[in-house]
Each structure stands twice: as C-alpha cells, then as structure tokens.
C-alpha cells in the first residue's frame, strides 16, 4: 500500500512557463559560456550549483574559482525572481485536486526540487500552498519539502526522496510513489527504490524522451495519478 507521494516542483506540480530554463541559461551565458539546448535539458532537475558548474564546463568556460559558481548561482536566483515577479507561476491544471485526492486516500505528499529553500518557499507562497501545517479548506497542503542544497547530491541521487521519507516518517520505500518531468526525476525515483516511478509530460519532454528509463508509467501529468492508482 502506498503511503507517500513525492513530486518534483517546476514542470511537474508548478507551471512556471519555462522560467527556470531561461534563468539558468542566461546566468550561465553571462559567464561567457555557451549553452546548448541539449545540455540544458540534461541538467534540468538537478541541484542548481551542480548544473551551473557542468554547463559552464560544457559550454567552454572555466567553473573555477568556486566563487564564480556562487556568483552565477546568485545571478540565477536574481533572474528567476525577476521572471516570477513578472510572470507568476501557477499550479499545473488538476494538480491541487490530485494532491487533495491522494491525501484523502491516506497518503502524505512531499516535494523535491533543485531550488534552494528560499526560492522554493517563495514559490510555494506565491501559489498559496502550505508546508507541514494545518491548511484552511481549499488550500493545498504539502507534508514536507527537500531542496537540492540540503543533501549531499541532487538528482539522480535518491537522497532528496529519502529525506522526504524521513521528514514524513515513511519507513518503507515500497510505500513510495515518485513523479517528475525530467529524466533525472525518474532515475532518482528508481535509485530510491520507490515502488512506483512516474514520468510526466507536463514539462518540456515528450514521451519518447523517457524511452529506456526506469519508470513504472508515463502520464500526461500528476493530475492523472489518482486515476492511475485506481486502475492498478
């Protein structure tokens, strides 16, 4: 029996119009490196400092000294905040209802993200979602959130998922469902030992991009997960 669902944020539960892609690309490009669409997609969903380091190197730049990565990360967050202020993110259609439906099944719901905690909580505040507290009727409640800078390594490592398990008191990976819109999301789900790992098409990837990856299913969005579980 599943007792915990763990979802990615941008592209999986939150529609940010591709703001993360744009902010990451601009921040790295400003260092003088070039950013290919393929490399950008490969590193989406990972911890952002790790992504910046890799993209600078792949784009012909030098990620040293470490202060350069810190400065680029700060610039990424600055650009992202500007984009979010101009184009506020919204919940992906049907996702709040799906979260409510899962909670009514007795499941807890956690989020993982490559964002730092300040960015993640600012994003949730814009959505009006609350974490780890009683929510008023009609308000989406999340039981726990883990960010990429809070674990030894971000996706595809499983640590963020395991940290959400710890925070929610979930003892058995066979009770966990993981869903995300990137390749590293499903790789992290499989690495965690989760019973169900789902790729969703609400982000930038098409169905074929998940071919050969360790998923249980590929669905249109998180909104389809309650019906998927009913049919299992």
Protein backbone atom coordinates (compact mmCIF):
# COMPACT_ATOMS: atom_id res chain seq x y z
CA UNK A 1 0.00 0.00 0.00
CA UNK A 2 1.33 3.41 -0.96
CA UNK A 3 1.60 5.95 1.84
CA UNK A 4 3.76 8.72 0.33
CA UNK A 5 3.85 10.56 -3.00
CA UNK A 6 6.96 12.61 -3.79
CA UNK A 7 6.74 15.13 -6.63
CA UNK A 8 9.16 17.47 -8.34
CA UNK A 9 8.15 21.15 -8.48
CA UNK A 10 8.77 23.15 -11.69
CA UNK A 11 7.26 21.35 -14.67
CA UNK A 12 5.66 18.65 -12.50
CA UNK A 13 3.41 20.39 -10.00
CA UNK A 14 4.11 24.02 -10.92
CA UNK A 15 3.83 25.72 -14.31
CA UNK A 16 6.49 28.43 -14.42
CA UNK A 17 6.46 28.93 -18.17
CA UNK A 18 9.99 27.59 -18.52
CA UNK A 19 11.37 30.32 -16.26
CA UNK A 20 13.96 28.01 -14.70
CA UNK A 21 15.32 27.09 -18.12
CA UNK A 22 15.57 30.73 -19.15
CA UNK A 23 17.13 31.90 -15.89
CA UNK A 24 19.71 29.11 -15.85
CA UNK A 25 20.64 29.65 -19.48
CA UNK A 26 21.01 33.41 -19.05
CA UNK A 27 23.04 33.15 -15.85
CA UNK A 28 25.49 30.70 -17.43
CA UNK A 29 25.68 32.62 -20.71
CA UNK A 30 26.60 35.77 -18.79
CA UNK A 31 29.79 34.00 -17.65
CA UNK A 32 30.88 33.74 -21.29
CA UNK A 33 29.98 30.08 -21.75
CA UNK A 34 27.62 28.87 -24.44
CA UNK A 35 24.61 26.73 -23.51
CA UNK A 36 23.18 24.16 -25.89
CA UNK A 37 19.53 23.15 -25.62
CA UNK A 38 20.58 19.51 -25.20
CA UNK A 39 22.95 20.24 -22.32
CA UNK A 40 20.38 22.48 -20.66
CA UNK A 41 17.77 19.74 -20.79
CA UNK A 42 20.23 17.15 -19.48
CA UNK A 43 20.92 19.23 -16.38
CA UNK A 44 17.37 20.35 -15.64
CA UNK A 45 16.03 18.89 -12.42
CA UNK A 46 19.47 18.67 -10.84
CA UNK A 47 20.80 20.79 -7.98
CA UNK A 48 21.41 24.19 -9.49
CA UNK A 49 25.02 24.77 -8.41
CA UNK A 50 25.92 21.38 -9.88
CA UNK A 51 24.03 22.30 -13.07
CA UNK A 52 25.81 25.65 -13.34
CA UNK A 53 29.22 24.02 -12.87
CA UNK A 54 28.53 21.42 -15.55
CA UNK A 55 27.00 23.87 -18.04
CA UNK A 56 29.91 26.32 -17.74
CA UNK A 57 32.36 23.49 -18.36
CA UNK A 58 30.31 22.03 -21.24
CA UNK A 59 29.99 25.50 -22.75
CA UNK A 60 33.72 26.01 -22.95
CA UNK A 61 34.09 28.03 -19.76
CA UNK A 62 36.08 27.52 -16.59
CA UNK A 63 34.00 26.92 -13.44
CA UNK A 64 36.92 27.90 -11.21
CA UNK A 65 37.22 29.54 -8.76
CA UNK A 66 34.34 28.35 -6.57
CA UNK A 67 33.28 31.94 -6.03
CA UNK A 68 32.36 32.06 -9.73
CA UNK A 69 29.76 29.33 -9.19
CA UNK A 70 28.39 31.13 -6.14
CA UNK A 71 28.10 34.37 -8.10
CA UNK A 72 26.43 32.64 -11.03
CA UNK A 73 24.01 30.89 -8.69
CA UNK A 74 23.12 34.22 -7.10
CA UNK A 75 22.57 35.67 -10.56
CA UNK A 76 20.34 32.70 -11.47
CA UNK A 77 18.19 33.33 -8.42
CA UNK A 78 18.03 37.05 -9.21
CA UNK A 79 16.88 36.41 -12.79
CA UNK A 80 14.38 33.80 -11.64
CA UNK A 81 12.89 36.17 -9.06
CA UNK A 82 12.51 38.85 -11.74
CA UNK A 83 10.76 36.43 -14.10
CA UNK A 84 8.48 35.10 -11.37
CA UNK A 85 7.54 38.66 -10.39
CA UNK A 86 6.65 39.50 -13.98
CA UNK A 87 5.07 36.12 -14.79
CA UNK A 88 3.84 34.50 -11.54
CA UNK A 89 3.93 30.69 -11.65
CA UNK A 90 0.71 28.74 -11.30
CA UNK A 91 -0.22 25.23 -10.26
CA UNK A 92 -0.43 22.83 -13.19
CA UNK A 93 -4.07 22.14 -14.03
CA UNK A 94 -5.55 19.44 -11.83
CA UNK A 95 -2.54 19.09 -9.56
CA UNK A 96 -4.03 20.66 -6.40
CA UNK A 97 -7.07 18.41 -6.84
CA UNK A 98 -4.82 15.38 -7.32
CA UNK A 99 -2.87 16.21 -4.15
CA UNK A 100 -6.14 16.50 -2.25
CA UNK A 101 -7.33 13.19 -3.68
CA UNK A 102 -4.12 11.44 -2.65
CA UNK A 103 -4.35 12.85 0.85
CA UNK A 104 -7.94 11.61 1.05
CA UNK A 105 -6.57 8.14 0.26
CA UNK A 106 -4.44 8.45 3.39
CA UNK A 107 -1.21 9.32 1.56
CA UNK A 108 1.23 12.04 2.51
CA UNK A 109 2.61 14.30 -0.21
CA UNK A 110 6.13 15.70 -0.35
CA UNK A 111 8.03 17.86 -2.84
CA UNK A 112 11.64 17.77 -4.02
CA UNK A 113 13.38 20.46 -6.02
CA UNK A 114 16.74 21.56 -7.32
CA UNK A 115 15.94 25.03 -5.95
CA UNK A 116 17.37 26.32 -2.70
CA UNK A 117 14.90 26.50 0.20
CA UNK A 118 14.38 30.26 0.00
CA UNK A 119 13.42 30.06 -3.68
CA UNK A 120 11.22 27.01 -3.13
CA UNK A 121 9.30 28.55 -0.24
CA UNK A 122 8.86 31.84 -2.07
CA UNK A 123 7.39 29.87 -4.97
CA UNK A 124 5.02 27.96 -2.69
CA UNK A 125 3.96 31.23 -1.07
CA UNK A 126 3.07 32.61 -4.49
CA UNK A 127 0.90 29.54 -5.07
CA UNK A 128 -0.71 29.82 -1.63
CA UNK A 129 0.39 26.28 -0.70
CA UNK A 130 1.41 25.49 2.88
CA UNK A 131 4.00 23.02 4.15
CA UNK A 132 3.73 20.88 7.25
CA UNK A 133 0.83 22.63 8.91
CA UNK A 134 -2.93 22.53 9.02
CA UNK A 135 -4.39 24.19 5.95
CA UNK A 136 -7.67 26.04 5.63
CA UNK A 137 -10.32 24.43 3.41
CA UNK A 138 -9.37 24.73 -0.24
CA UNK A 139 -5.67 25.39 0.49
CA UNK A 140 -3.18 22.86 -0.87
CA UNK A 141 -1.13 21.25 1.90
CA UNK A 142 2.28 19.63 1.47
CA UNK A 143 3.71 17.46 4.23
CA UNK A 144 7.41 18.06 3.55
CA UNK A 145 9.84 19.56 1.07
CA UNK A 146 13.52 18.84 0.45
CA UNK A 147 15.78 21.06 -1.64
CA UNK A 148 18.86 20.27 -3.66
CA UNK A 149 21.21 22.19 -1.40
CA UNK A 150 20.12 20.19 1.66
CA UNK A 151 21.50 16.81 0.58
CA UNK A 152 24.99 15.51 -0.35
CA UNK A 153 24.00 15.24 -4.02
CA UNK A 154 20.93 16.16 -6.02
CA UNK A 155 19.17 14.08 -8.63
CA UNK A 156 19.70 11.49 -9.99
CA UNK A 157 20.88 10.58 -6.49
CA UNK A 158 17.94 9.44 -4.33
CA UNK A 159 18.76 11.50 -1.26
CA UNK A 160 16.02 14.11 -1.58
CA UNK A 161 13.39 11.38 -1.77
CA UNK A 162 14.85 9.63 1.25
CA UNK A 163 14.92 12.95 3.14
CA UNK A 164 11.19 13.41 2.44
CA UNK A 165 10.63 9.88 3.71
CA UNK A 166 12.50 10.80 6.88
CA UNK A 167 10.51 14.00 7.32
CA UNK A 168 7.17 12.22 6.91
CA UNK A 169 8.04 9.15 8.97
CA UNK A 170 7.82 6.83 5.98
CA UNK A 171 9.85 3.71 6.75
CA UNK A 172 9.47 1.57 3.64
CA UNK A 173 10.39 2.54 0.08
CA UNK A 174 7.77 0.05 -1.09
CA UNK A 175 5.18 2.58 0.09
CA UNK A 176 6.56 5.44 -2.01
CA UNK A 177 5.45 6.86 -5.37
CA UNK A 178 7.73 9.32 -7.19
CA UNK A 179 6.83 11.51 -10.16
CA UNK A 180 8.70 14.12 -12.17
CA UNK A 181 9.01 15.69 -15.61
CA UNK A 182 12.73 15.09 -16.26
CA UNK A 183 14.94 12.08 -16.86
CA UNK A 184 16.80 12.62 -13.59
CA UNK A 185 13.46 12.62 -11.75
CA UNK A 186 12.68 9.06 -12.81
CA UNK A 187 16.30 7.99 -12.34
CA UNK A 188 16.20 9.30 -8.78
CA UNK A 189 12.90 7.52 -8.19
CA UNK A 190 14.35 4.22 -9.35
CA UNK A 191 17.55 4.76 -7.36
CA UNK A 192 15.49 5.41 -4.22
CA UNK A 193 13.80 2.02 -4.50
CA UNK A 194 10.35 3.60 -4.78
CA UNK A 195 7.57 1.16 -5.60
CA UNK A 196 6.20 3.41 -8.38
CA UNK A 197 8.13 5.89 -10.50
CA UNK A 198 6.21 8.02 -12.99
CA UNK A 199 7.42 10.34 -15.72
CA UNK A 200 5.03 13.16 -16.55
CA UNK A 201 4.73 15.16 -19.78
CA UNK A 202 3.76 18.48 -18.21
CA UNK A 203 7.31 19.82 -18.55
CA UNK A 204 9.47 20.11 -21.67
CA UNK A 205 9.93 16.42 -22.56
CA UNK A 206 7.91 14.36 -25.00
CA UNK A 207 7.04 10.71 -24.41
CA UNK A 208 9.95 9.33 -26.45
CA UNK A 209 12.48 11.07 -24.21
CA UNK A 210 11.64 8.62 -21.41
CA UNK A 211 12.33 5.54 -23.55
CA UNK A 212 14.85 3.26 -21.87
CA UNK A 213 14.47 4.95 -18.50
CA UNK A 214 13.43 3.10 -15.31
CA UNK A 215 9.81 4.22 -15.00
CA UNK A 216 6.63 2.42 -13.99
CA UNK A 217 4.48 4.62 -16.25
CA UNK A 218 4.49 7.84 -18.23
CA UNK A 219 1.41 10.02 -17.75
CA UNK A 220 0.27 13.37 -19.04
CA UNK A 221 0.56 15.00 -15.64
CA UNK A 222 0.34 14.48 -11.89
CA UNK A 223 -3.38 15.16 -12.27
CA UNK A 224 -3.75 11.65 -13.75
CA UNK A 225 -2.11 9.84 -10.84
CA UNK A 226 -5.23 9.21 -8.68
CA UNK A 227 -6.99 7.56 -11.63
CA UNK A 228 -3.81 5.62 -12.45
CA UNK A 229 -3.72 4.25 -8.89
CA UNK A 230 -7.43 3.40 -9.00
CA UNK A 231 -6.79 1.34 -12.13
CA UNK A 232 -3.83 -0.59 -10.70
